[in-house]
């Protein structure tokens, strides 16, 4: 709920402010115009520092729309919204945002980011050199095309958000709505700068929050991350047992189903682990391994917990969106902290070694270290 509320609240505050102040502004408000470039500079620097090239394409798209829109308004006055350049700008804006969602959804390689930037450069050349700055004679056609593209984007977004729901995706959607409002109300002296600044603020906040969240939590499953495990391990109680759960044939799953469907299977499997974890702290150690910390529990009792988890998963059917039924199994191991163990590392090593020894001969088994 917090993931939805934060960008939604920022968007709602901006909309209410615009509705309250739009009538009283008779000139372009310099404050929000300056705010856009300040916020964009901070956002751009953060994306550069964290090597987010795909989000960089999104940032360039936002900047292009803002600058071109202001330039059209300054050059052609109140009739700018009747120009074909204005309508093509709206069309390219929708196309670029949809392509970004598609590229991120299917997890394309980094070279796709270069092609996206080349596409945006080509769009700029088209707008500048091949579109006559005069009143469009096919206004209705463009309105229908833009409406169709907006509907397509919403459908893409629904598929996009169904696979991975987090504040970054929600933030992108509300930023899109903000820019859309600024675009369609651009005849107002306040709309362009206010909604542009609001969109960049939402993207900046959601990007930073998503990175902080992913440091402490696994992005896919919402479980504690490896970084959190390393932090928590210093404060484990004197008595605890450590369990390791490993997904059988994970590499084979990736080859057969691909990354996106495998991620869906992992999310369903994690829900089964939670059902029988008996309040254990669960960490995603790597792609196919999970650590369970049972505080103040001995090894014998925790072995029974892991056996229950293993049997539940082995007896379950995991259904993908295409109604394809998949059977999954796990291999697990458990070890108890000894007095001679200085920290959690020896306990973890014993448990993983026990799982690996068993894994050489068979799968779908629980072993004790």
Protein backbone atom coordinates (compact mmCIF):
# COMPACT_ATOMS: atom_id res chain seq x y z
CA UNK A 1 0.00 0.00 0.00
CA UNK A 2 2.87 2.37 0.75
CA UNK A 3 4.29 1.74 -2.73
CA UNK A 4 1.04 3.00 -4.25
CA UNK A 5 0.34 5.79 -1.78
CA UNK A 6 3.62 7.71 -1.99
CA UNK A 7 3.56 8.53 -5.74
CA UNK A 8 -0.25 8.81 -5.67
CA UNK A 9 -0.11 11.38 -2.85
CA UNK A 10 2.48 13.46 -4.68
CA UNK A 11 0.37 13.33 -7.82
CA UNK A 12 -2.81 14.28 -5.95
CA UNK A 13 -1.11 17.24 -4.21
CA UNK A 14 0.10 18.54 -7.58
CA UNK A 15 -3.34 18.19 -9.18
CA UNK A 16 -5.11 19.95 -6.28
CA UNK A 17 -2.55 22.74 -6.33
CA UNK A 18 -3.01 23.24 -10.07
CA UNK A 19 -6.80 23.31 -9.76
CA UNK A 20 -6.52 25.92 -7.02
CA UNK A 21 -3.88 28.18 -8.60
CA UNK A 22 -4.25 27.82 -12.37
CA UNK A 23 -6.75 30.68 -12.68
CA UNK A 24 -4.65 33.17 -10.72
CA UNK A 25 -1.48 32.70 -12.76
CA UNK A 26 -1.31 34.99 -15.79
CA UNK A 27 2.34 34.37 -16.66
CA UNK A 28 4.62 31.36 -16.75
CA UNK A 29 5.64 30.74 -13.12
CA UNK A 30 9.42 30.91 -13.03
CA UNK A 31 9.60 28.99 -9.76
CA UNK A 32 8.25 25.73 -11.19
CA UNK A 33 10.19 26.23 -14.42
CA UNK A 34 13.40 26.45 -12.42
CA UNK A 35 12.27 23.58 -10.19
CA UNK A 36 11.93 21.32 -13.21
CA UNK A 37 15.56 21.77 -14.24
CA UNK A 38 16.86 21.53 -10.67
CA UNK A 39 14.94 18.30 -10.01
CA UNK A 40 15.86 16.96 -13.43
CA UNK A 41 19.53 17.69 -12.76
CA UNK A 42 19.41 15.79 -9.47
CA UNK A 43 17.54 12.89 -11.09
CA UNK A 44 19.92 12.78 -14.07
CA UNK A 45 22.99 12.83 -11.83
CA UNK A 46 21.57 10.00 -9.72
CA UNK A 47 20.81 7.90 -12.81
CA UNK A 48 24.34 8.52 -14.12
CA UNK A 49 25.93 7.66 -10.77
CA UNK A 50 23.95 4.41 -10.49
CA UNK A 51 24.47 3.45 -14.18
CA UNK A 52 20.76 3.33 -15.04
CA UNK A 53 20.94 3.71 -18.82
CA UNK A 54 17.38 2.60 -19.49
CA UNK A 55 15.96 5.14 -17.07
CA UNK A 56 18.28 7.63 -18.79
CA UNK A 57 16.30 7.12 -21.98
CA UNK A 58 13.13 7.90 -20.04
CA UNK A 59 14.75 11.02 -18.60
CA UNK A 60 15.74 12.24 -22.08
CA UNK A 61 12.18 11.65 -23.29
CA UNK A 62 10.78 13.78 -20.45
CA UNK A 63 13.33 16.53 -21.07
CA UNK A 64 12.63 16.55 -24.81
CA UNK A 65 8.88 16.88 -24.32
CA UNK A 66 9.32 19.72 -21.83
CA UNK A 67 11.78 21.73 -23.92
CA UNK A 68 10.01 21.26 -27.28
CA UNK A 69 6.62 22.05 -25.76
CA UNK A 70 7.91 25.28 -24.22
CA UNK A 71 9.66 26.21 -27.45
CA UNK A 72 6.47 25.69 -29.52
CA UNK A 73 4.49 27.77 -27.07
CA UNK A 74 7.07 30.56 -27.06
CA UNK A 75 7.42 30.61 -30.85
CA UNK A 76 3.82 30.24 -32.03
CA UNK A 77 1.84 31.63 -29.13
CA UNK A 78 -1.66 30.46 -28.27
CA UNK A 79 -2.13 28.55 -31.56
CA UNK A 80 0.76 26.14 -30.83
CA UNK A 81 -1.63 23.35 -29.85
CA UNK A 82 -3.12 23.36 -33.37
CA UNK A 83 0.26 22.61 -34.98
CA UNK A 84 1.09 19.19 -36.38
CA UNK A 85 4.40 19.35 -34.47
CA UNK A 86 2.45 19.46 -31.21
CA UNK A 87 0.46 16.37 -32.15
CA UNK A 88 3.53 14.47 -33.35
CA UNK A 89 5.27 15.34 -30.09
CA UNK A 90 2.39 13.77 -28.14
CA UNK A 91 2.51 10.68 -30.34
CA UNK A 92 6.27 10.23 -29.91
CA UNK A 93 5.91 10.79 -26.16
CA UNK A 94 3.47 7.86 -25.92
CA UNK A 95 5.60 5.65 -28.17
CA UNK A 96 8.78 6.28 -26.18
CA UNK A 97 7.14 5.64 -22.82
CA UNK A 98 5.57 2.41 -24.12
CA UNK A 99 8.89 1.23 -25.58
CA UNK A 100 10.57 1.87 -22.25
CA UNK A 101 7.98 -0.30 -20.46
CA UNK A 102 8.34 -3.07 -23.07
CA UNK A 103 12.15 -3.04 -22.88
CA UNK A 104 12.10 -3.14 -19.07
CA UNK A 105 9.33 -5.75 -18.95
CA UNK A 106 11.15 -8.25 -21.18
CA UNK A 107 14.54 -7.44 -19.61
CA UNK A 108 16.29 -6.75 -22.92
CA UNK A 109 20.06 -6.29 -22.95
CA UNK A 110 21.91 -3.00 -22.57
CA UNK A 111 22.40 -2.61 -26.33
CA UNK A 112 18.65 -1.98 -26.64
CA UNK A 113 19.14 1.23 -24.63
CA UNK A 114 21.43 2.55 -27.37
CA UNK A 115 18.84 1.80 -30.05
CA UNK A 116 16.16 3.56 -28.00
CA UNK A 117 18.30 6.68 -27.80
CA UNK A 118 18.91 6.52 -31.58
CA UNK A 119 15.14 6.29 -32.09
CA UNK A 120 14.57 9.40 -30.00
CA UNK A 121 17.24 11.26 -31.98
CA UNK A 122 15.47 10.27 -35.20
CA UNK A 123 12.17 11.53 -33.78
CA UNK A 124 13.78 14.89 -33.07
CA UNK A 125 15.02 15.11 -36.66
CA UNK A 126 11.52 14.31 -37.94
CA UNK A 127 9.86 16.99 -35.80
CA UNK A 128 12.46 19.62 -36.70
CA UNK A 129 12.87 19.02 -40.44
CA UNK A 130 9.94 17.09 -41.86
CA UNK A 131 6.90 18.48 -40.06
CA UNK A 132 5.63 21.80 -41.38
CA UNK A 133 4.83 24.16 -38.47
CA UNK A 134 1.33 25.00 -39.59
CA UNK A 135 -2.17 24.16 -38.52
CA UNK A 136 -2.89 20.46 -38.91
CA UNK A 137 -5.58 19.49 -41.39
CA UNK A 138 -6.07 16.06 -39.84
CA UNK A 139 -6.73 16.93 -36.22
CA UNK A 140 -9.35 14.22 -35.71
CA UNK A 141 -7.07 11.51 -37.11
CA UNK A 142 -4.26 12.48 -34.76
CA UNK A 143 -6.58 12.61 -31.79
CA UNK A 144 -7.76 9.08 -32.57
CA UNK A 145 -4.19 7.85 -33.04
CA UNK A 146 -3.06 9.41 -29.76
CA UNK A 147 -6.11 7.98 -27.96
CA UNK A 148 -5.33 4.54 -29.38
CA UNK A 149 -1.69 4.80 -28.30
CA UNK A 150 -2.74 5.89 -24.81
CA UNK A 151 -4.99 2.83 -24.51
CA UNK A 152 -2.17 0.59 -25.74
CA UNK A 153 0.14 2.11 -23.16
CA UNK A 154 -2.34 1.45 -20.35
CA UNK A 155 -2.63 -2.20 -21.45
CA UNK A 156 1.15 -2.50 -21.57
CA UNK A 157 1.34 -0.95 -18.13
CA UNK A 158 -1.18 -3.43 -16.70
CA UNK A 159 0.91 -6.35 -17.99
CA UNK A 160 4.06 -4.63 -16.78
CA UNK A 161 2.78 -4.06 -13.27
CA UNK A 162 1.33 -7.57 -12.95
CA UNK A 163 4.80 -9.12 -13.13
CA UNK A 164 6.65 -6.89 -10.67
CA UNK A 165 4.72 -4.46 -8.47
CA UNK A 166 6.87 -1.91 -6.67
CA UNK A 167 7.06 1.82 -6.07
CA UNK A 168 9.26 2.38 -9.13
CA UNK A 169 6.56 1.08 -11.49
CA UNK A 170 3.78 2.95 -9.70
CA UNK A 171 5.91 6.09 -9.79
CA UNK A 172 6.43 5.77 -13.53
CA UNK A 173 2.69 5.48 -14.08
CA UNK A 174 1.79 8.54 -12.00
CA UNK A 175 4.62 10.48 -13.63
CA UNK A 176 3.13 9.54 -17.00
CA UNK A 177 -0.26 10.81 -15.88
CA UNK A 178 1.32 14.04 -14.65
CA UNK A 179 3.11 14.68 -17.95
CA UNK A 180 -0.07 13.82 -19.85
CA UNK A 181 -2.01 16.43 -17.87
CA UNK A 182 0.73 18.98 -18.48
CA UNK A 183 0.69 18.16 -22.18
CA UNK A 184 -3.06 18.42 -22.66
CA UNK A 185 -3.35 21.55 -20.49
CA UNK A 186 -0.25 23.21 -21.90
CA UNK A 187 -2.17 26.33 -22.92
CA UNK A 188 -2.27 27.16 -19.19
CA UNK A 189 0.80 29.14 -18.05
CA UNK A 190 1.12 26.92 -14.99
CA UNK A 191 0.46 23.43 -16.35
CA UNK A 192 3.69 22.71 -18.26
CA UNK A 193 6.13 23.69 -15.50
CA UNK A 194 4.07 22.39 -12.58
CA UNK A 195 3.19 19.00 -14.02
CA UNK A 196 6.67 18.61 -15.52
CA UNK A 197 8.29 19.32 -12.14
CA UNK A 198 5.80 16.99 -10.45
CA UNK A 199 6.59 14.14 -12.86
CA UNK A 200 10.34 14.49 -12.31
CA UNK A 201 9.85 14.68 -8.52
CA UNK A 202 7.77 11.47 -8.55
CA UNK A 203 10.36 9.67 -10.71
CA UNK A 204 13.22 10.88 -8.51
CA UNK A 205 11.57 9.87 -5.24
CA UNK A 206 10.36 6.50 -6.52
CA UNK A 207 13.76 5.64 -8.07
CA UNK A 208 15.68 6.43 -4.89
CA UNK A 209 13.13 4.66 -2.69
CA UNK A 210 13.19 1.58 -4.95
CA UNK A 211 16.99 1.37 -4.71
CA UNK A 212 16.89 1.72 -0.93
CA UNK A 213 14.15 -0.91 -0.74
CA UNK A 214 16.11 -3.33 -2.94
CA UNK A 215 19.13 -2.94 -0.66
CA UNK A 216 17.18 -4.26 2.31
CA UNK A 217 14.56 -6.40 0.53
CA UNK A 218 14.55 -8.71 -2.46
CA UNK A 219 12.83 -6.90 -5.32
CA UNK A 220 10.97 -9.96 -6.62
CA UNK A 221 9.77 -11.73 -3.49
CA UNK A 222 9.80 -9.01 -0.84
CA UNK A 223 11.94 -11.22 1.42
CA UNK A 224 14.95 -9.91 3.31
CA UNK A 225 17.95 -9.45 1.02
CA UNK A 226 21.50 -10.74 1.39
CA UNK A 227 22.57 -7.31 2.69
CA UNK A 228 19.94 -7.51 5.43
CA UNK A 229 21.07 -11.04 6.29
CA UNK A 230 24.63 -9.81 6.81
CA UNK A 231 23.36 -6.99 9.04
CA UNK A 232 21.00 -9.20 11.07
CA UNK A 233 23.56 -11.98 11.49
CA UNK A 234 25.47 -9.87 14.00
CA UNK A 235 22.44 -9.85 16.33
CA UNK A 236 21.22 -13.45 16.14
CA UNK A 237 20.46 -14.98 19.59
CA UNK A 238 22.75 -17.46 21.30
CA UNK A 239 20.49 -20.33 20.29
CA UNK A 240 19.14 -20.70 16.78
CA UNK A 241 18.99 -23.12 13.88
CA UNK A 242 19.70 -22.23 10.28
CA UNK A 243 17.90 -23.79 7.34
CA UNK A 244 18.83 -23.57 3.67
CA UNK A 245 16.24 -24.15 0.94
CA UNK A 246 17.49 -24.68 -2.62
CA UNK A 247 15.22 -24.78 -5.70
CA UNK A 248 15.92 -27.96 -7.67
CA UNK A 249 16.94 -27.59 -11.33
CA UNK A 250 16.76 -23.79 -11.26
CA UNK A 251 19.02 -23.42 -14.33
CA UNK A 252 16.77 -25.81 -16.24
CA UNK A 253 13.72 -23.75 -15.27
CA UNK A 254 15.37 -20.64 -16.71
CA UNK A 255 16.11 -22.39 -19.99
CA UNK A 256 12.61 -23.82 -20.35
CA UNK A 257 10.43 -20.94 -19.08
CA UNK A 258 12.63 -17.86 -19.37
CA UNK A 259 13.33 -15.22 -16.75
CA UNK A 260 9.85 -13.71 -16.42
CA UNK A 261 7.91 -16.97 -15.98
CA UNK A 262 10.62 -18.38 -13.71
CA UNK A 263 10.26 -15.29 -11.53
CA UNK A 264 6.51 -16.00 -11.27
CA UNK A 265 7.26 -19.57 -10.20
CA UNK A 266 9.72 -18.33 -7.57
CA UNK A 267 7.10 -15.94 -6.16
CA UNK A 268 4.56 -18.76 -5.87
CA UNK A 269 7.15 -21.04 -4.29
CA UNK A 270 8.08 -18.39 -1.72
CA UNK A 271 4.43 -18.12 -0.68
CA UNK A 272 4.51 -21.86 0.07
CA UNK A 273 7.67 -21.45 2.13
CA UNK A 274 6.05 -18.69 4.17
CA UNK A 275 3.01 -20.82 4.93
CA UNK A 276 5.03 -23.38 6.90
CA UNK A 277 7.99 -21.30 8.06
CA UNK A 278 6.63 -21.05 11.62
CA UNK A 279 7.67 -17.42 12.02
CA UNK A 280 11.24 -17.90 10.82
CA UNK A 281 13.14 -14.98 9.32
CA UNK A 282 13.51 -15.72 5.60
CA UNK A 283 16.29 -14.28 3.45
CA UNK A 284 16.92 -14.67 -0.27
CA UNK A 285 20.59 -15.66 -0.31
CA UNK A 286 20.88 -15.87 -4.10
CA UNK A 287 18.65 -16.64 -7.08
CA UNK A 288 17.85 -20.24 -6.08
CA UNK A 289 18.72 -20.35 -2.37
CA UNK A 290 16.89 -19.11 0.71
CA UNK A 291 18.04 -18.96 4.33
CA UNK A 292 15.63 -19.51 7.21
CA UNK A 293 16.62 -18.51 10.75
CA UNK A 294 14.66 -20.30 13.48
CA UNK A 295 15.38 -18.43 16.71
CA UNK A 296 15.51 -20.41 19.97
CA UNK A 297 14.77 -23.67 18.13
CA UNK A 298 16.85 -26.85 18.02
CA UNK A 299 17.89 -28.70 14.89
CA UNK A 300 15.46 -31.57 15.34
CA UNK A 301 12.38 -29.35 15.45
CA UNK A 302 13.56 -27.22 12.53
CA UNK A 303 14.14 -30.35 10.47
CA UNK A 304 10.43 -31.09 10.84
CA UNK A 305 9.56 -27.56 9.73
CA UNK A 306 11.70 -27.91 6.61
CA UNK A 307 10.23 -31.32 5.88
CA UNK A 308 6.76 -29.81 6.02
CA UNK A 309 7.84 -27.08 3.59
CA UNK A 310 9.43 -29.62 1.26
CA UNK A 311 6.35 -31.88 1.23
CA UNK A 312 3.99 -28.94 0.67
CA UNK A 313 5.97 -27.76 -2.35
CA UNK A 314 6.39 -31.26 -3.79
CA UNK A 315 2.64 -31.86 -3.51
CA UNK A 316 1.64 -28.52 -5.03
CA UNK A 317 0.90 -27.59 -8.62
CA UNK A 318 2.12 -24.22 -9.84
CA UNK A 319 0.00 -22.78 -12.64
CA UNK A 320 1.40 -20.15 -14.99
CA UNK A 321 -0.69 -17.63 -16.88
CA UNK A 322 -1.05 -19.96 -19.87
CA UNK A 323 -2.64 -22.56 -17.55
CA UNK A 324 0.51 -24.65 -17.80
CA UNK A 325 0.95 -26.77 -14.67
CA UNK A 326 4.49 -27.01 -13.31
CA UNK A 327 5.77 -29.29 -10.54
CA UNK A 328 8.60 -27.91 -8.39
CA UNK A 329 10.76 -29.49 -5.72
CA UNK A 330 13.31 -28.20 -3.25
CA UNK A 331 16.28 -29.61 -1.40
CA UNK A 332 16.85 -28.38 2.14
CA UNK A 333 19.32 -28.64 4.98
CA UNK A 334 19.45 -27.54 8.60
CA UNK A 335 22.14 -26.99 11.20
CA UNK A 336 22.21 -25.70 14.76
CA UNK A 337 24.60 -23.11 16.16
CA UNK A 338 27.31 -24.67 18.31
CA UNK A 339 29.19 -23.08 21.17
CA UNK A 340 32.37 -23.24 19.14
CA UNK A 341 30.84 -21.16 16.33
CA UNK A 342 32.15 -17.59 16.54
CA UNK A 343 29.47 -16.23 14.20
CA UNK A 344 26.86 -17.38 11.70
CA UNK A 345 29.31 -18.17 8.88
CA UNK A 346 30.33 -21.67 10.11
CA UNK A 347 26.66 -22.58 10.63
CA UNK A 348 25.80 -21.51 7.10
CA UNK A 349 28.79 -23.34 5.61
CA UNK A 350 27.86 -26.61 7.37
CA UNK A 351 24.27 -26.35 6.19
CA UNK A 352 25.15 -25.62 2.56
CA UNK A 353 27.72 -28.40 2.49
CA UNK A 354 25.10 -30.85 3.77
CA UNK A 355 22.68 -29.79 1.04
CA UNK A 356 25.37 -30.06 -1.64
CA UNK A 357 26.44 -33.54 -0.51
CA UNK A 358 22.86 -34.76 -0.71
CA UNK A 359 22.28 -32.93 -4.00
CA UNK A 360 25.02 -34.96 -5.71
CA UNK A 361 22.95 -38.13 -5.35
CA UNK A 362 19.33 -37.07 -5.14
CA UNK A 363 16.91 -34.13 -5.01
CA UNK A 364 13.77 -33.30 -3.06
CA UNK A 365 15.40 -34.24 0.25
CA UNK A 366 16.03 -32.59 3.63
CA UNK A 367 19.34 -33.25 5.36
CA UNK A 368 20.91 -32.46 8.72
CA UNK A 369 24.40 -31.05 9.15
